[in-house]
Amino acid sequence: MTAVTGRVAAAERGETRIADRVVAKIAAQAAKEAVGDPPQEGESPRATVTVHRDAARVRVSLELGYPCDIGRQCGAVRRQVAQRVKALAGMEVPEVAVQVERLHPVASGAQGRIR
C-alpha cells in the first residue's frame, strides 16, 4: 500500500472471474436480441460457453421462423453475441458457432383463413 493515497497496487488486488454459465446467459440473451422473440411453439436461444483467460468461445442453438434469410440471421447473432459479451464481460470472442436446431413455418394471414 502506498502511504500517500491509501490505494492498493493493481498487482496486489487480485482478479475478477466470471463463471462460464454467466457468460452463457449473456450470449443467449444477446442471441434473442438479434433474432427477436422465438417463433410460435419455439424455444428461446440457448448458449454454451468455454472461457479460457480473457476469451470466450460460444456455441448458440436457436430456432427460427421460416421463410427467412438464415445466413443473415446467423450473422446478426454472431455480431450481437460477440459485441454484448465483450461489453458486459470484458472478454474477447474469437468464435461464435450458431446452430439452427429447427425451422418453424410462419403462419401467414391467408393460411389461417377458412374459405
PDB file of N, CA and C in Angstrom:
ATOM      1  N   MET A   1       0.832  -1.172   0.000  1.00  0.00           N
ATOM      2  CA  MET A   1       0.000   0.000   0.000  1.00  0.00           C
ATOM      3  C   MET A   1       0.883   1.243   0.000  1.00  0.00           C
ATOM      4  N   THR A   2       0.460   2.241  -0.731  1.00  0.00           N
ATOM      5  CA  THR A   2       1.226   3.480  -0.728  1.00  0.00           C
ATOM      6  C   THR A   2       0.733   4.361   0.416  1.00  0.00           C
ATOM      7  N   ALA A   3       1.643   5.089   1.015  1.00  0.00           N
ATOM      8  CA  ALA A   3       1.305   5.907   2.171  1.00  0.00           C
ATOM      9  C   ALA A   3       0.512   7.154   1.793  1.00  0.00           C
ATOM     10  N   VAL A   4       0.701   7.653   0.580  1.00  0.00           N
ATOM     11  CA  VAL A   4       0.077   8.910   0.180  1.00  0.00           C
ATOM     12  C   VAL A   4      -1.402   8.726  -0.156  1.00  0.00           C
ATOM     13  N   THR A   5      -1.738   7.752  -0.961  1.00  0.00           N
ATOM     14  CA  THR A   5      -3.120   7.621  -1.433  1.00  0.00           C
ATOM     15  C   THR A   5      -3.930   6.576  -0.687  1.00  0.00           C
ATOM     16  N   GLY A   6      -3.297   5.603  -0.059  1.00  0.00           N
ATOM     17  CA  GLY A   6      -4.034   4.558   0.640  1.00  0.00           C
ATOM     18  C   GLY A   6      -4.624   3.517  -0.294  1.00  0.00           C
ATOM     19  N   ARG A   7      -4.224   3.523  -1.546  1.00  0.00           N
ATOM     20  CA  ARG A   7      -4.748   2.561  -2.525  1.00  0.00           C
ATOM     21  C   ARG A   7      -3.827   1.360  -2.632  1.00  0.00           C
ATOM     22  N   VAL A   8      -4.423   0.230  -2.973  1.00  0.00           N
ATOM     23  CA  VAL A   8      -3.665  -0.999  -3.166  1.00  0.00           C
ATOM     24  C   VAL A   8      -3.203  -1.054  -4.615  1.00  0.00           C
ATOM     25  N   ALA A   9      -1.959  -1.428  -4.826  1.00  0.00           N
ATOM     26  CA  ALA A   9      -1.414  -1.525  -6.183  1.00  0.00           C
ATOM     27  C   ALA A   9      -2.203  -2.566  -6.980  1.00  0.00           C
ATOM     28  N   ALA A  10      -2.300  -2.368  -8.282  1.00  0.00           N
ATOM     29  CA  ALA A  10      -3.091  -3.249  -9.150  1.00  0.00           C
ATOM     30  C   ALA A  10      -2.657  -4.704  -9.042  1.00  0.00           C
ATOM     31  N   ALA A  11      -1.377  -4.966  -8.950  1.00  0.00           N
ATOM     32  CA  ALA A  11      -0.876  -6.336  -8.882  1.00  0.00           C
ATOM     33  C   ALA A  11      -1.263  -7.034  -7.583  1.00  0.00           C
ATOM     34  N   GLU A  12      -1.629  -6.293  -6.575  1.00  0.00           N
ATOM     35  CA  GLU A  12      -1.962  -6.867  -5.285  1.00  0.00           C
ATOM     36  C   GLU A  12      -3.467  -7.017  -5.056  1.00  0.00           C
ATOM     37  N   ARG A  13      -4.300  -6.525  -5.947  1.00  0.00           N
ATOM     38  CA  ARG A  13      -5.749  -6.526  -5.753  1.00  0.00           C
ATOM     39  C   ARG A  13      -6.408  -7.875  -5.999  1.00  0.00           C
ATOM     40  N   GLY A  14      -5.843  -8.722  -6.821  1.00  0.00           N
ATOM     41  CA  GLY A  14      -6.494  -9.976  -7.171  1.00  0.00           C
ATOM     42  C   GLY A  14      -7.112  -9.894  -8.551  1.00  0.00           C
ATOM     43  N   GLU A  15      -8.081 -10.759  -8.796  1.00  0.00           N
ATOM     44  CA  GLU A  15      -8.709 -10.777 -10.109  1.00  0.00           C
ATOM     45  C   GLU A  15     -10.193 -11.076  -9.987  1.00  0.00           C
ATOM     46  N   THR A  16     -10.927 -10.691 -10.988  1.00  0.00           N
ATOM     47  CA  THR A  16     -12.348 -10.987 -11.057  1.00  0.00           C
ATOM     48  C   THR A  16     -12.541 -12.092 -12.071  1.00  0.00           C
ATOM     49  N   ARG A  17     -13.245 -13.132 -11.663  1.00  0.00           N
ATOM     50  CA  ARG A  17     -13.517 -14.253 -12.568  1.00  0.00           C
ATOM     51  C   ARG A  17     -15.013 -14.309 -12.817  1.00  0.00           C
ATOM     52  N   ILE A  18     -15.388 -14.464 -14.068  1.00  0.00           N
ATOM     53  CA  ILE A  18     -16.791 -14.568 -14.444  1.00  0.00           C
ATOM     54  C   ILE A  18     -17.044 -16.009 -14.868  1.00  0.00           C
ATOM     55  N   ALA A  19     -18.007 -16.642 -14.233  1.00  0.00           N
ATOM     56  CA  ALA A  19     -18.309 -18.048 -14.494  1.00  0.00           C
ATOM     57  C   ALA A  19     -18.806 -18.251 -15.927  1.00  0.00           C
ATOM     58  N   ASP A  20     -18.505 -19.424 -16.486  1.00  0.00           N
ATOM     59  CA  ASP A  20     -18.942 -19.763 -17.843  1.00  0.00           C
ATOM     60  C   ASP A  20     -20.453 -19.627 -17.986  1.00  0.00           C
ATOM     61  N   ARG A  21     -21.198 -20.059 -16.968  1.00  0.00           N
ATOM     62  CA  ARG A  21     -22.664 -20.020 -17.081  1.00  0.00           C
ATOM     63  C   ARG A  21     -23.196 -18.593 -17.153  1.00  0.00           C
ATOM     64  N   VAL A  22     -22.480 -17.647 -16.535  1.00  0.00           N
ATOM     65  CA  VAL A  22     -22.885 -16.243 -16.615  1.00  0.00           C
ATOM     66  C   VAL A  22     -22.669 -15.721 -18.031  1.00  0.00           C
ATOM     67  N   VAL A  23     -21.536 -16.052 -18.619  1.00  0.00           N
ATOM     68  CA  VAL A  23     -21.250 -15.638 -19.992  1.00  0.00           C
ATOM     69  C   VAL A  23     -22.253 -16.301 -20.946  1.00  0.00           C
ATOM     70  N   ALA A  24     -22.633 -17.547 -20.657  1.00  0.00           N
ATOM     71  CA  ALA A  24     -23.629 -18.251 -21.491  1.00  0.00           C
ATOM     72  C   ALA A  24     -24.981 -17.542 -21.438  1.00  0.00           C
ATOM     73  N   LYS A  25     -25.363 -17.046 -20.285  1.00  0.00           N
ATOM     74  CA  LYS A  25     -26.631 -16.310 -20.175  1.00  0.00           C
ATOM     75  C   LYS A  25     -26.573 -15.003 -20.952  1.00  0.00           C
ATOM     76  N   ILE A  26     -25.440 -14.327 -20.880  1.00  0.00           N
ATOM     77  CA  ILE A  26     -25.267 -13.096 -21.655  1.00  0.00           C
ATOM     78  C   ILE A  26     -25.391 -13.409 -23.144  1.00  0.00           C
ATOM     79  N   ALA A  27     -24.739 -14.488 -23.591  1.00  0.00           N
ATOM     80  CA  ALA A  27     -24.764 -14.869 -25.010  1.00  0.00           C
ATOM     81  C   ALA A  27     -26.169 -15.244 -25.458  1.00  0.00           C
ATOM     82  N   ALA A  28     -26.901 -15.997 -24.643  1.00  0.00           N
ATOM     83  CA  ALA A  28     -28.264 -16.399 -25.007  1.00  0.00           C
ATOM     84  C   ALA A  28     -29.170 -15.176 -25.121  1.00  0.00           C
ATOM     85  N   GLN A  29     -29.044 -14.240 -24.199  1.00  0.00           N
ATOM     86  CA  GLN A  29     -29.859 -13.031 -24.257  1.00  0.00           C
ATOM     87  C   GLN A  29     -29.498 -12.190 -25.484  1.00  0.00           C
ATOM     88  N   ALA A  30     -28.221 -12.121 -25.804  1.00  0.00           N
ATOM     89  CA  ALA A  30     -27.788 -11.374 -26.984  1.00  0.00           C
ATOM     90  C   ALA A  30     -28.337 -12.007 -28.259  1.00  0.00           C
ATOM     91  N   ALA A  31     -28.357 -13.335 -28.317  1.00  0.00           N
ATOM     92  CA  ALA A  31     -28.917 -14.023 -29.484  1.00  0.00           C
ATOM     93  C   ALA A  31     -30.403 -13.721 -29.614  1.00  0.00           C
ATOM     94  N   LYS A  32     -31.093 -13.689 -28.491  1.00  0.00           N
ATOM     95  CA  LYS A  32     -32.529 -13.362 -28.521  1.00  0.00           C
ATOM     96  C   LYS A  32     -32.748 -11.932 -29.001  1.00  0.00           C
ATOM     97  N   GLU A  33     -31.868 -11.016 -28.578  1.00  0.00           N
ATOM     98  CA  GLU A  33     -31.955  -9.628 -29.049  1.00  0.00           C
ATOM     99  C   GLU A  33     -31.764  -9.556 -30.559  1.00  0.00           C
ATOM    100  N   ALA A  34     -30.889 -10.386 -31.098  1.00  0.00           N
ATOM    101  CA  ALA A  34     -30.574 -10.348 -32.533  1.00  0.00           C
ATOM    102  C   ALA A  34     -31.711 -10.887 -33.392  1.00  0.00           C
ATOM    103  N   VAL A  35     -32.388 -11.949 -32.945  1.00  0.00           N
ATOM    104  CA  VAL A  35     -33.425 -12.575 -33.786  1.00  0.00           C
ATOM    105  C   VAL A  35     -34.838 -12.255 -33.331  1.00  0.00           C
ATOM    106  N   GLY A  36     -34.986 -11.639 -32.172  1.00  0.00           N
ATOM    107  CA  GLY A  36     -36.319 -11.313 -31.665  1.00  0.00           C
ATOM    108  C   GLY A  36     -36.922 -12.502 -30.935  1.00  0.00           C
ATOM    109  N   ASP A  37     -38.201 -12.413 -30.673  1.00  0.00           N
ATOM    110  CA  ASP A  37     -38.889 -13.482 -29.953  1.00  0.00           C
ATOM    111  C   ASP A  37     -38.866 -14.762 -30.771  1.00  0.00           C
ATOM    112  N   PRO A  38     -38.819 -15.908 -30.081  1.00  0.00           N
ATOM    113  CA  PRO A  38     -38.814 -17.173 -30.827  1.00  0.00           C
ATOM    114  C   PRO A  38     -40.140 -17.368 -31.556  1.00  0.00           C
ATOM    115  N   PRO A  39     -40.128 -18.183 -32.620  1.00  0.00           N
ATOM    116  CA  PRO A  39     -41.376 -18.444 -33.333  1.00  0.00           C
ATOM    117  C   PRO A  39     -42.379 -19.130 -32.414  1.00  0.00           C
ATOM    118  N   GLN A  40     -43.649 -19.070 -32.812  1.00  0.00           N
ATOM    119  CA  GLN A  40     -44.693 -19.730 -32.030  1.00  0.00           C
ATOM    120  C   GLN A  40     -44.321 -21.203 -31.845  1.00  0.00           C
ATOM    121  N   GLU A  41     -44.435 -21.698 -30.639  1.00  0.00           N
ATOM    122  CA  GLU A  41     -44.067 -23.060 -30.259  1.00  0.00           C
ATOM    123  C   GLU A  41     -42.556 -23.296 -30.295  1.00  0.00           C
ATOM    124  N   GLY A  42     -41.778 -22.255 -30.488  1.00  0.00           N
ATOM    125  CA  GLY A  42     -40.325 -22.384 -30.494  1.00  0.00           C
ATOM    126  C   GLY A  42     -39.740 -22.066 -29.128  1.00  0.00           C
ATOM    127  N   GLU A  43     -38.483 -22.402 -28.945  1.00  0.00           N
ATOM    128  CA  GLU A  43     -37.793 -22.136 -27.690  1.00  0.00           C
ATOM    129  C   GLU A  43     -36.836 -20.968 -27.865  1.00  0.00           C
ATOM    130  N   SER A  44     -36.537 -20.308 -26.762  1.00  0.00           N
ATOM    131  CA  SER A  44     -35.566 -19.216 -26.772  1.00  0.00           C
ATOM    132  C   SER A  44     -34.169 -19.770 -27.058  1.00  0.00           C
ATOM    133  N   PRO A  45     -33.280 -18.939 -27.583  1.00  0.00           N
ATOM    134  CA  PRO A  45     -31.910 -19.396 -27.848  1.00  0.00           C
ATOM    135  C   PRO A  45     -31.219 -19.889 -26.576  1.00  0.00           C
ATOM    136  N   ARG A  46     -30.341 -20.859 -26.750  1.00  0.00           N
ATOM    137  CA  ARG A  46     -29.532 -21.398 -25.665  1.00  0.00           C
ATOM    138  C   ARG A  46     -28.075 -21.267 -26.067  1.00  0.00           C
ATOM    139  N   ALA A  47     -27.211 -21.121 -25.075  1.00  0.00           N
ATOM    140  CA  ALA A  47     -25.787 -20.957 -25.372  1.00  0.00           C
ATOM    141  C   ALA A  47     -24.952 -21.775 -24.400  1.00  0.00           C
ATOM    142  N   THR A  48     -23.844 -22.267 -24.919  1.00  0.00           N
ATOM    143  CA  THR A  48     -22.819 -22.874 -24.077  1.00  0.00           C
ATOM    144  C   THR A  48     -21.524 -22.128 -24.361  1.00  0.00           C
ATOM    145  N   VAL A  49     -20.698 -22.016 -23.338  1.00  0.00           N
ATOM    146  CA  VAL A  49     -19.505 -21.196 -23.450  1.00  0.00           C
ATOM    147  C   VAL A  49     -18.321 -21.917 -22.821  1.00  0.00           C
ATOM    148  N   THR A  50     -17.167 -21.758 -23.439  1.00  0.00           N
ATOM    149  CA  THR A  50     -15.913 -22.190 -22.851  1.00  0.00           C
ATOM    150  C   THR A  50     -15.033 -20.954 -22.719  1.00  0.00           C
ATOM    151  N   VAL A  51     -14.650 -20.646 -21.484  1.00  0.00           N
ATOM    152  CA  VAL A  51     -13.831 -19.464 -21.222  1.00  0.00           C
ATOM    153  C   VAL A  51     -12.413 -19.907 -20.904  1.00  0.00           C
ATOM    154  N   HIS A  52     -11.461 -19.279 -21.576  1.00  0.00           N
ATOM    155  CA  HIS A  52     -10.048 -19.521 -21.307  1.00  0.00           C
ATOM    156  C   HIS A  52      -9.369 -18.166 -21.226  1.00  0.00           C
ATOM    157  N   ARG A  53      -8.948 -17.810 -20.026  1.00  0.00           N
ATOM    158  CA  ARG A  53      -8.367 -16.496 -19.728  1.00  0.00           C
ATOM    159  C   ARG A  53      -9.369 -15.411 -20.053  1.00  0.00           C
ATOM    160  N   ASP A  54      -9.076 -14.540 -20.986  1.00  0.00           N
ATOM    161  CA  ASP A  54      -9.998 -13.453 -21.327  1.00  0.00           C
ATOM    162  C   ASP A  54     -10.679 -13.663 -22.672  1.00  0.00           C
ATOM    163  N   ALA A  55     -10.854 -14.921 -23.063  1.00  0.00           N
ATOM    164  CA  ALA A  55     -11.502 -15.221 -24.338  1.00  0.00           C
ATOM    165  C   ALA A  55     -12.612 -16.247 -24.112  1.00  0.00           C
ATOM    166  N   ALA A  56     -13.722 -16.046 -24.798  1.00  0.00           N
ATOM    167  CA  ALA A  56     -14.863 -16.943 -24.677  1.00  0.00           C
ATOM    168  C   ALA A  56     -15.214 -17.506 -26.053  1.00  0.00           C
ATOM    169  N   ARG A  57     -15.302 -18.815 -26.134  1.00  0.00           N
ATOM    170  CA  ARG A  57     -15.793 -19.479 -27.345  1.00  0.00           C
ATOM    171  C   ARG A  57     -17.232 -19.854 -27.075  1.00  0.00           C
ATOM    172  N   VAL A  58     -18.125 -19.437 -27.974  1.00  0.00           N
ATOM    173  CA  VAL A  58     -19.555 -19.537 -27.738  1.00  0.00           C
ATOM    174  C   VAL A  58     -20.211 -20.426 -28.787  1.00  0.00           C
ATOM    175  N   ARG A  59     -21.151 -21.251 -28.343  1.00  0.00           N
ATOM    176  CA  ARG A  59     -21.992 -22.034 -29.240  1.00  0.00           C
ATOM    177  C   ARG A  59     -23.443 -21.695 -28.899  1.00  0.00           C
ATOM    178  N   VAL A  60     -24.182 -21.206 -29.894  1.00  0.00           N
ATOM    179  CA  VAL A  60     -25.578 -20.809 -29.712  1.00  0.00           C
ATOM    180  C   VAL A  60     -26.466 -21.750 -30.518  1.00  0.00           C
ATOM    181  N   SER A  61     -27.505 -22.264 -29.872  1.00  0.00           N
ATOM    182  CA  SER A  61     -28.517 -23.080 -30.551  1.00  0.00           C
ATOM    183  C   SER A  61     -29.810 -22.280 -30.545  1.00  0.00           C
ATOM    184  N   LEU A  62     -30.457 -22.218 -31.705  1.00  0.00           N
ATOM    185  CA  LEU A  62     -31.694 -21.440 -31.777  1.00  0.00           C
ATOM    186  C   LEU A  62     -32.660 -22.023 -32.790  1.00  0.00           C
ATOM    187  N   GLU A  63     -33.877 -21.523 -32.714  1.00  0.00           N
ATOM    188  CA  GLU A  63     -34.934 -21.902 -33.642  1.00  0.00           C
ATOM    189  C   GLU A  63     -35.379 -20.639 -34.356  1.00  0.00           C
ATOM    190  N   LEU A  64     -35.659 -20.770 -35.655  1.00  0.00           N
ATOM    191  CA  LEU A  64     -36.040 -19.621 -36.472  1.00  0.00           C
ATOM    192  C   LEU A  64     -37.374 -19.858 -37.145  1.00  0.00           C
ATOM    193  N   GLY A  65     -38.056 -18.760 -37.437  1.00  0.00           N
ATOM    194  CA  GLY A  65     -39.249 -18.832 -38.265  1.00  0.00           C
ATOM    195  C   GLY A  65     -38.828 -18.988 -39.718  1.00  0.00           C
ATOM    196  N   TYR A  66     -39.645 -19.683 -40.506  1.00  0.00           N
ATOM    197  CA  TYR A  66     -39.305 -19.905 -41.906  1.00  0.00           C
ATOM    198  C   TYR A  66     -40.486 -19.484 -42.761  1.00  0.00           C
ATOM    199  N   PRO A  67     -40.338 -18.810 -43.818  1.00  0.00           N
ATOM    200  CA  PRO A  67     -39.093 -18.486 -44.510  1.00  0.00           C
ATOM    201  C   PRO A  67     -38.403 -17.267 -43.890  1.00  0.00           C
ATOM    202  N   CYS A  68     -37.090 -17.303 -43.930  1.00  0.00           N
ATOM    203  CA  CYS A  68     -36.271 -16.171 -43.505  1.00  0.00           C
ATOM    204  C   CYS A  68     -34.896 -16.324 -44.148  1.00  0.00           C
ATOM    205  N   ASP A  69     -34.112 -15.290 -44.081  1.00  0.00           N
ATOM    206  CA  ASP A  69     -32.739 -15.330 -44.577  1.00  0.00           C
ATOM    207  C   ASP A  69     -31.874 -15.907 -43.451  1.00  0.00           C
ATOM    208  N   ILE A  70     -31.654 -17.197 -43.479  1.00  0.00           N
ATOM    209  CA  ILE A  70     -30.968 -17.902 -42.394  1.00  0.00           C
ATOM    210  C   ILE A  70     -29.539 -17.379 -42.223  1.00  0.00           C
ATOM    211  N   GLY A  71     -28.837 -17.169 -43.310  1.00  0.00           N
ATOM    212  CA  GLY A  71     -27.465 -16.667 -43.233  1.00  0.00           C
ATOM    213  C   GLY A  71     -27.388 -15.298 -42.589  1.00  0.00           C
ATOM    214  N   ARG A  72     -28.312 -14.413 -42.954  1.00  0.00           N
ATOM    215  CA  ARG A  72     -28.332 -13.069 -42.371  1.00  0.00           C
ATOM    216  C   ARG A  72     -28.645 -13.141 -40.882  1.00  0.00           C
ATOM    217  N   GLN A  73     -29.595 -13.983 -40.514  1.00  0.00           N
ATOM    218  CA  GLN A  73     -29.964 -14.135 -39.097  1.00  0.00           C
ATOM    219  C   GLN A  73     -28.780 -14.653 -38.283  1.00  0.00           C
ATOM    220  N   CYS A  74     -28.084 -15.657 -38.799  1.00  0.00           N
ATOM    221  CA  CYS A  74     -26.929 -16.220 -38.092  1.00  0.00           C
ATOM    222  C   CYS A  74     -25.802 -15.197 -37.971  1.00  0.00           C
ATOM    223  N   GLY A  75     -25.582 -14.410 -39.016  1.00  0.00           N
ATOM    224  CA  GLY A  75     -24.573 -13.351 -38.967  1.00  0.00           C
ATOM    225  C   GLY A  75     -24.911 -12.301 -37.920  1.00  0.00           C
ATOM    226  N   ALA A  76     -26.195 -11.943 -37.835  1.00  0.00           N
ATOM    227  CA  ALA A  76     -26.628 -10.968 -36.830  1.00  0.00           C
ATOM    228  C   ALA A  76     -26.420 -11.515 -35.423  1.00  0.00           C
ATOM    229  N   VAL A  77     -26.672 -12.806 -35.240  1.00  0.00           N
ATOM    230  CA  VAL A  77     -26.457 -13.430 -33.928  1.00  0.00           C
ATOM    231  C   VAL A  77     -24.977 -13.400 -33.582  1.00  0.00           C
ATOM    232  N   ARG A  78     -24.116 -13.759 -34.522  1.00  0.00           N
ATOM    233  CA  ARG A  78     -22.671 -13.750 -34.259  1.00  0.00           C
ATOM    234  C   ARG A  78     -22.186 -12.369 -33.826  1.00  0.00           C
ATOM    235  N   ARG A  79     -22.600 -11.353 -34.573  1.00  0.00           N
ATOM    236  CA  ARG A  79     -22.162  -9.987 -34.257  1.00  0.00           C
ATOM    237  C   ARG A  79     -22.678  -9.529 -32.895  1.00  0.00           C
ATOM    238  N   GLN A  80     -23.957  -9.753 -32.638  1.00  0.00           N
ATOM    239  CA  GLN A  80     -24.565  -9.297 -31.383  1.00  0.00           C
ATOM    240  C   GLN A  80     -23.972 -10.011 -30.173  1.00  0.00           C
ATOM    241  N   VAL A  81     -23.761 -11.322 -30.284  1.00  0.00           N
ATOM    242  CA  VAL A  81     -23.187 -12.088 -29.171  1.00  0.00           C
ATOM    243  C   VAL A  81     -21.771 -11.605 -28.878  1.00  0.00           C
ATOM    244  N   ALA A  82     -20.955 -11.454 -29.904  1.00  0.00           N
ATOM    245  CA  ALA A  82     -19.574 -11.006 -29.702  1.00  0.00           C
ATOM    246  C   ALA A  82     -19.542  -9.619 -29.071  1.00  0.00           C
ATOM    247  N   GLN A  83     -20.391  -8.725 -29.542  1.00  0.00           N
ATOM    248  CA  GLN A  83     -20.425  -7.358 -29.033  1.00  0.00           C
ATOM    249  C   GLN A  83     -20.880  -7.323 -27.573  1.00  0.00           C
ATOM    250  N   ARG A  84     -21.958  -8.027 -27.237  1.00  0.00           N
ATOM    251  CA  ARG A  84     -22.504  -7.981 -25.873  1.00  0.00           C
ATOM    252  C   ARG A  84     -21.583  -8.666 -24.861  1.00  0.00           C
ATOM    253  N   VAL A  85     -20.983  -9.797 -25.235  1.00  0.00           N
ATOM    254  CA  VAL A  85     -20.070 -10.473 -24.310  1.00  0.00           C
ATOM    255  C   VAL A  85     -18.859  -9.592 -24.037  1.00  0.00           C
ATOM    256  N   LYS A  86     -18.349  -8.946 -25.067  1.00  0.00           N
ATOM    257  CA  LYS A  86     -17.199  -8.047 -24.870  1.00  0.00           C
ATOM    258  C   LYS A  86     -17.589  -6.870 -23.982  1.00  0.00           C
ATOM    259  N   ALA A  87     -18.756  -6.284 -24.236  1.00  0.00           N
ATOM    260  CA  ALA A  87     -19.179  -5.107 -23.472  1.00  0.00           C
ATOM    261  C   ALA A  87     -19.508  -5.445 -22.017  1.00  0.00           C
ATOM    262  N   LEU A  88     -20.185  -6.554 -21.783  1.00  0.00           N
ATOM    263  CA  LEU A  88     -20.655  -6.862 -20.435  1.00  0.00           C
ATOM    264  C   LEU A  88     -19.674  -7.688 -19.604  1.00  0.00           C
ATOM    265  N   ALA A  89     -18.910  -8.571 -20.259  1.00  0.00           N
ATOM    266  CA  ALA A  89     -17.986  -9.435 -19.518  1.00  0.00           C
ATOM    267  C   ALA A  89     -16.526  -9.058 -19.736  1.00  0.00           C
ATOM    268  N   GLY A  90     -16.268  -8.185 -20.705  1.00  0.00           N
ATOM    269  CA  GLY A  90     -14.896  -7.763 -20.970  1.00  0.00           C
ATOM    270  C   GLY A  90     -14.039  -8.849 -21.590  1.00  0.00           C
ATOM    271  N   MET A  91     -14.660  -9.768 -22.317  1.00  0.00           N
ATOM    272  CA  MET A  91     -13.931 -10.886 -22.928  1.00  0.00           C
ATOM    273  C   MET A  91     -13.945 -10.775 -24.442  1.00  0.00           C
ATOM    274  N   GLU A  92     -12.842 -11.179 -25.041  1.00  0.00           N
ATOM    275  CA  GLU A  92     -12.795 -11.296 -26.491  1.00  0.00           C
ATOM    276  C   GLU A  92     -13.585 -12.543 -26.877  1.00  0.00           C
ATOM    277  N   VAL A  93     -14.202 -12.513 -28.052  1.00  0.00           N
ATOM    278  CA  VAL A  93     -14.982 -13.653 -28.532  1.00  0.00           C
ATOM    279  C   VAL A  93     -14.459 -14.023 -29.927  1.00  0.00           C
ATOM    280  N   PRO A  94     -13.461 -14.914 -29.990  1.00  0.00           N
ATOM    281  CA  PRO A  94     -12.891 -15.264 -31.282  1.00  0.00           C
ATOM    282  C   PRO A  94     -13.787 -16.183 -32.114  1.00  0.00           C
ATOM    283  N   GLU A  95     -14.757 -16.825 -31.467  1.00  0.00           N
ATOM    284  CA  GLU A  95     -15.597 -17.780 -32.201  1.00  0.00           C
ATOM    285  C   GLU A  95     -17.009 -17.792 -31.641  1.00  0.00           C
ATOM    286  N   VAL A  96     -18.000 -17.645 -32.534  1.00  0.00           N
ATOM    287  CA  VAL A  96     -19.399 -17.834 -32.184  1.00  0.00           C
ATOM    288  C   VAL A  96     -19.970 -18.804 -33.208  1.00  0.00           C
ATOM    289  N   ALA A  97     -20.250 -20.021 -32.770  1.00  0.00           N
ATOM    290  CA  ALA A  97     -20.852 -21.036 -33.643  1.00  0.00           C
ATOM    291  C   ALA A  97     -22.362 -20.992 -33.445  1.00  0.00           C
ATOM    292  N   VAL A  98     -23.094 -20.854 -34.538  1.00  0.00           N
ATOM    293  CA  VAL A  98     -24.548 -20.792 -34.468  1.00  0.00           C
ATOM    294  C   VAL A  98     -25.119 -22.054 -35.091  1.00  0.00           C
ATOM    295  N   GLN A  99     -25.949 -22.741 -34.328  1.00  0.00           N
ATOM    296  CA  GLN A  99     -26.585 -23.963 -34.803  1.00  0.00           C
ATOM    297  C   GLN A  99     -28.090 -23.737 -34.832  1.00  0.00           C
ATOM    298  N   VAL A 100     -28.679 -23.853 -36.020  1.00  0.00           N
ATOM    299  CA  VAL A 100     -30.132 -23.725 -36.158  1.00  0.00           C
ATOM    300  C   VAL A 100     -30.719 -25.105 -35.907  1.00  0.00           C
ATOM    301  N   GLU A 101     -31.427 -25.230 -34.791  1.00  0.00           N
ATOM    302  CA  GLU A 101     -31.992 -26.518 -34.373  1.00  0.00           C
ATOM    303  C   GLU A 101     -33.253 -26.875 -35.151  1.00  0.00           C
ATOM    304  N   ARG A 102     -34.065 -25.861 -35.429  1.00  0.00           N
ATOM    305  CA  ARG A 102     -35.360 -26.141 -36.046  1.00  0.00           C
ATOM    306  C   ARG A 102     -35.863 -24.902 -36.762  1.00  0.00           C
ATOM    307  N   LEU A 103     -36.584 -25.120 -37.848  1.00  0.00           N
ATOM    308  CA  LEU A 103     -37.264 -24.044 -38.561  1.00  0.00           C
ATOM    309  C   LEU A 103     -38.764 -24.220 -38.367  1.00  0.00           C
ATOM    310  N   HIS A 104     -39.441 -23.151 -37.977  1.00  0.00           N
ATOM    311  CA  HIS A 104     -40.885 -23.187 -37.761  1.00  0.00           C
ATOM    312  C   HIS A 104     -41.563 -22.397 -38.865  1.00  0.00           C
ATOM    313  N   PRO A 105     -42.532 -23.004 -39.561  1.00  0.00           N
ATOM    314  CA  PRO A 105     -43.247 -22.243 -40.592  1.00  0.00           C
ATOM    315  C   PRO A 105     -44.011 -21.089 -39.957  1.00  0.00           C
ATOM    316  N   VAL A 106     -43.879 -19.915 -40.559  1.00  0.00           N
ATOM    317  CA  VAL A 106     -44.581 -18.738 -40.066  1.00  0.00           C
ATOM    318  C   VAL A 106     -45.962 -18.738 -40.691  1.00  0.00           C
ATOM    319  N   ALA A 107     -46.980 -18.703 -39.861  1.00  0.00           N
ATOM    320  CA  ALA A 107     -48.365 -18.712 -40.362  1.00  0.00           C
ATOM    321  C   ALA A 107     -48.673 -17.353 -40.970  1.00  0.00           C
ATOM    322  N   SER A 108     -49.071 -17.353 -42.214  1.00  0.00           N
ATOM    323  CA  SER A 108     -49.468 -16.097 -42.851  1.00  0.00           C
ATOM    324  C   SER A 108     -50.970 -15.930 -42.683  1.00  0.00           C
ATOM    325  N   GLY A 109     -51.454 -14.748 -42.878  1.00  0.00           N
ATOM    326  CA  GLY A 109     -52.869 -14.466 -42.734  1.00  0.00           C
ATOM    327  C   GLY A 109     -53.722 -15.298 -43.678  1.00  0.00           C
ATOM    328  N   ALA A 110     -53.226 -15.589 -44.887  1.00  0.00           N
ATOM    329  CA  ALA A 110     -54.010 -16.347 -45.866  1.00  0.00           C
ATOM    330  C   ALA A 110     -54.142 -17.813 -45.455  1.00  0.00           C
ATOM    331  N   GLN A 111     -53.125 -18.374 -44.792  1.00  0.00           N
ATOM    332  CA  GLN A 111     -53.179 -19.765 -44.410  1.00  0.00           C
ATOM    333  C   GLN A 111     -54.179 -20.012 -43.284  1.00  0.00           C
ATOM    334  N   GLY A 112     -54.357 -19.033 -42.431  1.00  0.00           N
ATOM    335  CA  GLY A 112     -55.220 -19.223 -41.270  1.00  0.00           C
ATOM    336  C   GLY A 112     -56.699 -19.050 -41.573  1.00  0.00           C
ATOM    337  N   ARG A 113     -57.054 -18.542 -42.745  1.00  0.00           N
ATOM    338  CA  ARG A 113     -58.482 -18.278 -43.079  1.00  0.00           C
ATOM    339  C   ARG A 113     -59.169 -19.516 -43.617  1.00  0.00           C
ATOM    340  N   ILE A 114     -60.447 -19.627 -43.261  1.00  0.00           N
ATOM    341  CA  ILE A 114     -61.274 -20.724 -43.788  1.00  0.00           C
ATOM    342  C   ILE A 114     -62.010 -20.183 -45.005  1.00  0.00           C
ATOM    343  N   ARG A 115     -62.020 -20.953 -46.070  1.00  0.00           N
ATOM    344  CA  ARG A 115     -62.692 -20.498 -47.300  1.00  0.00           C
ATOM    345  C   ARG A 115     -63.994 -21.204 -47.487  1.00  0.00           C
TER     346      ARG A 115
END
